[in-house]
C-alpha atoms as a PDB file:
ATOM      1  CA  MET A   1      13.240   6.007 -14.903  1.00  0.00           C
ATOM      2  CA  ALA A   2      13.990   5.212 -11.736  1.00  0.00           C
ATOM      3  CA  GLN A   3      15.775   1.268 -11.288  1.00  0.00           C
ATOM      4  CA  GLU A   4      12.485  -0.802  -9.734  1.00  0.00           C
ATOM      5  CA  GLN A   5      13.623  -1.610  -6.346  1.00  0.00           C
ATOM      6  CA  GLU A   6      12.390  -5.084  -4.007  1.00  0.00           C
ATOM      7  CA  TRP A   7       9.528  -4.915  -1.611  1.00  0.00           C
ATOM      8  CA  HIS A   8      11.179  -3.847   1.444  1.00  0.00           C
ATOM      9  CA  HIS A   9       8.213  -5.932   3.323  1.00  0.00           C
ATOM     10  CA  LYS A  10       7.530  -9.620   2.297  1.00  0.00           C
ATOM     11  CA  GLY A  11       4.009 -10.854   1.864  1.00  0.00           C
ATOM     12  CA  SER A  12       4.945 -13.800   3.589  1.00  0.00           C
ATOM     13  CA  SER A  13       5.758 -11.934   6.814  1.00  0.00           C
ATOM     14  CA  CYS A  14       1.851 -10.696   6.722  1.00  0.00           C
ATOM     15  CA  CYS A  15       1.635 -11.772  11.018  1.00  0.00           C
ATOM     16  CA  SER A  16       3.823  -8.763  12.191  1.00  0.00           C
ATOM     17  CA  PRO A  17       2.638  -6.168  13.766  1.00  0.00           C
ATOM     18  CA  PHE A  18      -0.194  -9.232  14.909  1.00  0.00           C
ATOM     19  CA  GLY A  19      -2.972  -6.500  15.288  1.00  0.00           C
ATOM     20  CA  THR A  20      -2.763  -5.541  11.524  1.00  0.00           C
ATOM     21  CA  CYS A  21      -2.422  -8.994  10.551  1.00  0.00           C
ATOM     22  CA  MET A  22      -5.684  -9.827  12.802  1.00  0.00           C
ATOM     23  CA  LEU A  23      -7.465  -6.496  11.292  1.00  0.00           C
ATOM     24  CA  SER A  24      -6.370  -7.519   7.800  1.00  0.00           C
ATOM     25  CA  CYS A  25      -7.666 -11.213   8.703  1.00  0.00           C
ATOM     26  CA  CYS A  26     -11.407  -9.921  10.020  1.00  0.00           C
ATOM     27  CA  CYS A  27     -11.931  -6.610   7.954  1.00  0.00           C
ATOM     28  CA  PRO A  28      -9.212  -6.555   5.220  1.00  0.00           C
ATOM     29  CA  CYS A  29     -10.862  -3.287   3.944  1.00  0.00           C
ATOM     30  CA  ILE A  30      -9.761  -1.177   6.458  1.00  0.00           C
ATOM     31  CA  THR A  31      -6.385  -2.345   5.866  1.00  0.00           C
ATOM     32  CA  TYR A  32      -7.051  -1.894   2.077  1.00  0.00           C
ATOM     33  CA  GLY A  33      -8.438   1.866   3.147  1.00  0.00           C
ATOM     34  CA  ARG A  34      -5.644   3.182   4.990  1.00  0.00           C
ATOM     35  CA  ALA A  35      -2.947   1.748   2.695  1.00  0.00           C
ATOM     36  CA  LYS A  36      -4.834   3.550  -0.301  1.00  0.00           C
ATOM     37  CA  TYR A  37      -5.391   6.729   2.094  1.00  0.00           C
ATOM     38  CA  ARG A  38      -1.985   6.697   2.999  1.00  0.00           C
ATOM     39  CA  VAL A  39      -0.583   6.010  -1.030  1.00  0.00           C
ATOM     40  CA  LYS A  40      -3.083   8.623  -2.059  1.00  0.00           C
ATOM     41  CA  ASN A  41      -2.292  11.746   0.215  1.00  0.00           C
ATOM     42  CA  ASP A  42       1.503  10.910   0.551  1.00  0.00           C
ATOM     43  CA  GLY A  43       1.268   9.264   3.714  1.00  0.00           C
ATOM     44  CA  ASN A  44      -0.562  11.616   5.524  1.00  0.00           C
ATOM     45  CA  MET A  45      -2.845  10.351   7.497  1.00  0.00           C
ATOM     46  CA  ASN A  46      -5.029  13.354   8.764  1.00  0.00           C
ATOM     47  CA  GLY A  47      -8.489  13.344   8.050  1.00  0.00           C
ATOM     48  CA  TYR A  48      -7.998   9.735   7.663  1.00  0.00           C
ATOM     49  CA  SER A  49     -11.206   7.289   8.737  1.00  0.00           C
ATOM     50  CA  CYS A  50     -11.580   3.701   8.676  1.00  0.00           C
ATOM     51  CA  CYS A  51     -14.874   3.836   6.839  1.00  0.00           C
ATOM     52  CA  ASN A  52     -14.032   5.855   4.065  1.00  0.00           C
ATOM     53  CA  MET A  53     -14.927   5.405   0.500  1.00  0.00           C
ATOM     54  CA  PRO A  54     -11.806   2.609  -0.682  1.00  0.00           C
ATOM     55  CA  CYS A  55     -13.520   0.440   2.544  1.00  0.00           C
ATOM     56  CA  VAL A  56     -17.150   0.935   0.912  1.00  0.00           C
ATOM     57  CA  GLY A  57     -15.946  -0.341  -2.503  1.00  0.00           C
ATOM     58  CA  PHE A  58     -13.872  -3.497  -1.040  1.00  0.00           C
ATOM     59  CA  THR A  59     -16.783  -4.143   1.033  1.00  0.00           C
ATOM     60  CA  PHE A  60     -19.284  -4.038  -1.967  1.00  0.00           C
ATOM     61  CA  LEU A  61     -16.951  -5.815  -4.479  1.00  0.00           C
ATOM     62  CA  SER A  62     -16.564  -8.578  -1.522  1.00  0.00           C
ATOM     63  CA  CYS A  63     -20.291  -9.315  -1.356  1.00  0.00           C
ATOM     64  CA  LEU A  64     -20.068 -10.080  -5.256  1.00  0.00           C
ATOM     65  CA  GLY A  65     -17.098 -11.934  -4.602  1.00  0.00           C
ATOM     66  CA  PHE A  66     -14.055  -9.703  -6.424  1.00  0.00           C
ATOM     67  CA  SER A  67     -12.626  -8.427  -3.299  1.00  0.00           C
ATOM     68  CA  PHE A  68      -9.597  -9.131  -4.944  1.00  0.00           C
ATOM     69  CA  ILE A  69      -9.838  -6.459  -7.584  1.00  0.00           C
ATOM     70  CA  LEU A  70      -9.113  -2.944  -5.909  1.00  0.00           C
ATOM     71  CA  PRO A  71      -6.105  -4.508  -3.289  1.00  0.00           C
ATOM     72  CA  MET A  72      -4.937  -5.972  -7.226  1.00  0.00           C
ATOM     73  CA  ILE A  73      -4.891  -2.115  -8.546  1.00  0.00           C
ATOM     74  CA  ASN A  74      -3.987  -0.706  -5.676  1.00  0.00           C
ATOM     75  CA  ARG A  75      -0.472  -3.083  -5.544  1.00  0.00           C
ATOM     76  CA  GLY A  76      -0.025  -1.503  -9.111  1.00  0.00           C
ATOM     77  CA  ASP A  77       0.039   1.893  -8.200  1.00  0.00           C
ATOM     78  CA  MET A  78       2.445   1.447  -5.556  1.00  0.00           C
ATOM     79  CA  ARG A  79       4.610  -0.545  -7.858  1.00  0.00           C
ATOM     80  CA  ALA A  80       4.321   3.077 -10.019  1.00  0.00           C
ATOM     81  CA  LYS A  81       4.732   5.134  -7.644  1.00  0.00           C
ATOM     82  CA  TYR A  82       7.497   3.725  -5.043  1.00  0.00           C
ATOM     83  CA  HIS A  83       9.023   1.761  -8.355  1.00  0.00           C
ATOM     84  CA  LEU A  84       8.618  -1.692  -7.038  1.00  0.00           C
ATOM     85  CA  GLN A  85       9.434  -4.865  -8.841  1.00  0.00           C
ATOM     86  CA  GLY A  86       6.147  -6.710  -9.836  1.00  0.00           C
ATOM     87  CA  ASN A  87       3.899  -6.730 -13.035  1.00  0.00           C
ATOM     88  CA  GLY A  88       0.784  -7.552 -13.248  1.00  0.00           C
ATOM     89  CA  CYS A  89       0.109 -10.877 -13.233  1.00  0.00           C
ATOM     90  CA  LYS A  90       2.153 -11.241  -9.755  1.00  0.00           C
ATOM     91  CA  ASP A  91      -0.402  -8.602  -8.649  1.00  0.00           C
ATOM     92  CA  CYS A  92      -3.478 -10.249  -9.343  1.00  0.00           C
ATOM     93  CA  LEU A  93      -1.965 -13.386  -7.877  1.00  0.00           C
ATOM     94  CA  CYS A  94      -1.204 -11.501  -4.933  1.00  0.00           C
ATOM     95  CA  ALA A  95      -4.545 -10.339  -3.679  1.00  0.00           C
ATOM     96  CA  CYS A  96      -6.533 -13.359  -5.438  1.00  0.00           C
ATOM     97  CA  PHE A  97      -4.880 -15.887  -3.308  1.00  0.00           C
ATOM     98  CA  CYS A  98      -4.333 -14.154   0.030  1.00  0.00           C
ATOM     99  CA  THR A  99      -5.850 -11.062   0.490  1.00  0.00           C
ATOM    100  CA  PRO A 100      -5.286 -10.389   3.758  1.00  0.00           C
ATOM    101  CA  CYS A 101      -1.715 -10.930   3.417  1.00  0.00           C
ATOM    102  CA  ASP A 102      -1.317  -8.886   0.273  1.00  0.00           C
ATOM    103  CA  VAL A 103      -3.775  -5.743   1.855  1.00  0.00           C
ATOM    104  CA  THR A 104      -1.236  -6.012   5.125  1.00  0.00           C
ATOM    105  CA  GLN A 105       1.835  -6.136   3.160  1.00  0.00           C
ATOM    106  CA  GLN A 106       0.557  -2.924   0.737  1.00  0.00           C
ATOM    107  CA  ASP A 107      -0.031  -1.173   4.451  1.00  0.00           C
ATOM    108  CA  LYS A 108       3.329  -1.751   6.134  1.00  0.00           C
ATOM    109  CA  GLU A 109       4.982  -0.900   2.410  1.00  0.00           C
ATOM    110  CA  SER A 110       3.013   2.258   2.421  1.00  0.00           C
ATOM    111  CA  GLU A 111       3.800   3.135   5.500  1.00  0.00           C
ATOM    112  CA  PHE A 112       7.616   2.173   5.129  1.00  0.00           C
ATOM    113  CA  ARG A 113       7.943   3.943   1.971  1.00  0.00           C
ATOM    114  CA  GLU A 114       6.093   7.354   2.680  1.00  0.00           C
ATOM    115  CA  GLU A 115       8.185   7.666   6.046  1.00  0.00           C
ATOM    116  CA  GLN A 116      11.643   7.036   3.773  1.00  0.00           C
ATOM    117  CA  LYS A 117      10.354   9.362   1.445  1.00  0.00           C
ATOM    118  CA  HIS A 118       9.978  12.336   4.601  1.00  0.00           C
ATOM    119  CA  THR A 119      13.065  11.220   6.438  1.00  0.00           C
ATOM    120  CA  LEU A 120      14.643  11.747   3.023  1.00  0.00           C
ATOM    121  CA  MET A 121      13.505  15.387   2.570  1.00  0.00           C
ATOM    122  CA  GLN A 122      15.630  18.497   4.651  1.00  0.00           C
ATOM    123  CA  PRO A 123      13.696  20.223   6.972  1.00  0.00           C
ATOM    124  CA  GLY A 124      12.434  23.446   5.714  1.00  0.00           C
ATOM    125  CA  LYS A 125      12.172  22.351   1.862  1.00  0.00           C
ATOM    126  CA  VAL A 126       8.886  21.526  -0.088  1.00  0.00           C
ATOM    127  CA  ASP A 127      10.678  19.021  -2.364  1.00  0.00           C
ATOM    128  CA  GLN A 128      13.968  16.694  -2.338  1.00  0.00           C
ATOM    129  CA  MET A 129      17.229  17.740  -2.540  1.00  0.00           C
ATOM    130  CA  HIS A 130      18.480  16.931  -6.491  1.00  0.00           C
ATOM    131  CA  TYR A 131      21.777  17.148  -7.590  1.00  0.00           C
ATOM    132  CA  GLY A 132      22.675  18.592 -10.749  1.00  0.00           C
ATOM    133  CA  ARG A 133      24.899  16.698 -13.706  1.00  0.00           C
ATOM    134  CA  LYS A 134      28.155  17.992 -14.547  1.00  0.00           C
END
């Protein structure tokens, strides 16, 4: 099991970049949908549309007053996939108390982690290089 690492982007730095910050404040469903799509498709944004099922689901739950549920679940999925620090309680607190900041952090973190993963891969290789143990 890989060691957990800190989040590269802090939740408190949600005002940068300003465009993502404004999008998350005005229409957080789009930012959430983009982060969810990026995580699900290993960074491949081909075929992405801002009006996707995660965005629709977020909007529906927002109308019912439960907008925090999907970002909370996605945060847990990101922690598992990228081996990030945290727990379910912190996921819930982040999603409940500042959903725009949370979805901004998820969007930036997923973009960073997927770019990092792809730069570590060798050109022409399908999988990352693994060293055997002696």
